[in-house]
């Protein structure tokens, strides 16, 4: 259950920085993928007009 919540949070964060949710698939690369996604999630948000 926690994995679903964490995945949703990371997907939302990727959308906030202007990246596609498909970048979350980088998690499936052993070791390196998690590091790349964490680095992407630490970037500042892109402010857009809705």
Protein backbone atom coordinates (compact mmCIF):
# COMPACT_ATOMS: atom_id res chain seq x y z
CA UNK A 1 0.00 0.00 0.00
CA UNK A 2 2.83 2.39 0.79
CA UNK A 3 4.40 1.70 -2.60
CA UNK A 4 1.25 2.94 -4.37
CA UNK A 5 1.26 6.18 -2.36
CA UNK A 6 4.97 6.75 -2.97
CA UNK A 7 4.58 6.11 -6.71
CA UNK A 8 1.72 8.57 -6.92
CA UNK A 9 3.71 11.21 -5.09
CA UNK A 10 6.72 10.80 -7.33
CA UNK A 11 4.58 10.90 -10.47
CA UNK A 12 2.94 14.12 -9.28
CA UNK A 13 6.35 15.62 -8.52
CA UNK A 14 7.62 14.71 -12.00
CA UNK A 15 4.62 16.50 -13.50
CA UNK A 16 5.35 19.54 -11.30
CA UNK A 17 8.84 19.86 -12.77
CA UNK A 18 7.52 19.54 -16.32
CA UNK A 19 8.56 15.92 -16.94
CA UNK A 20 6.38 13.12 -18.24
CA UNK A 21 5.22 10.39 -15.91
CA UNK A 22 7.14 7.98 -18.11
CA UNK A 23 10.35 9.19 -16.43
CA UNK A 24 9.17 7.14 -13.43
CA UNK A 25 10.03 4.04 -15.49
CA UNK A 26 13.70 4.90 -14.85
CA UNK A 27 13.14 3.27 -11.45
CA UNK A 28 13.24 -0.10 -13.19
CA UNK A 29 16.96 0.36 -13.99
CA UNK A 30 18.77 -1.29 -11.09
CA UNK A 31 20.55 1.10 -8.67
CA UNK A 32 21.04 4.00 -11.09
CA UNK A 33 17.36 4.49 -11.89
CA UNK A 34 16.36 5.37 -8.34
CA UNK A 35 19.16 7.90 -8.07
CA UNK A 36 18.13 9.59 -11.33
CA UNK A 37 14.49 9.87 -10.25
CA UNK A 38 15.49 11.29 -6.84
CA UNK A 39 17.66 13.92 -8.55
CA UNK A 40 14.78 14.82 -10.87
CA UNK A 41 12.38 15.12 -7.93
CA UNK A 42 14.74 17.58 -6.18
CA UNK A 43 14.54 20.11 -9.01
CA UNK A 44 12.45 23.27 -8.57
CA UNK A 45 8.88 23.25 -9.86
CA UNK A 46 7.92 24.81 -13.18
CA UNK A 47 5.20 27.41 -12.63
CA UNK A 48 2.59 27.33 -15.41
CA UNK A 49 -0.69 29.14 -15.84
CA UNK A 50 -3.55 26.65 -15.70
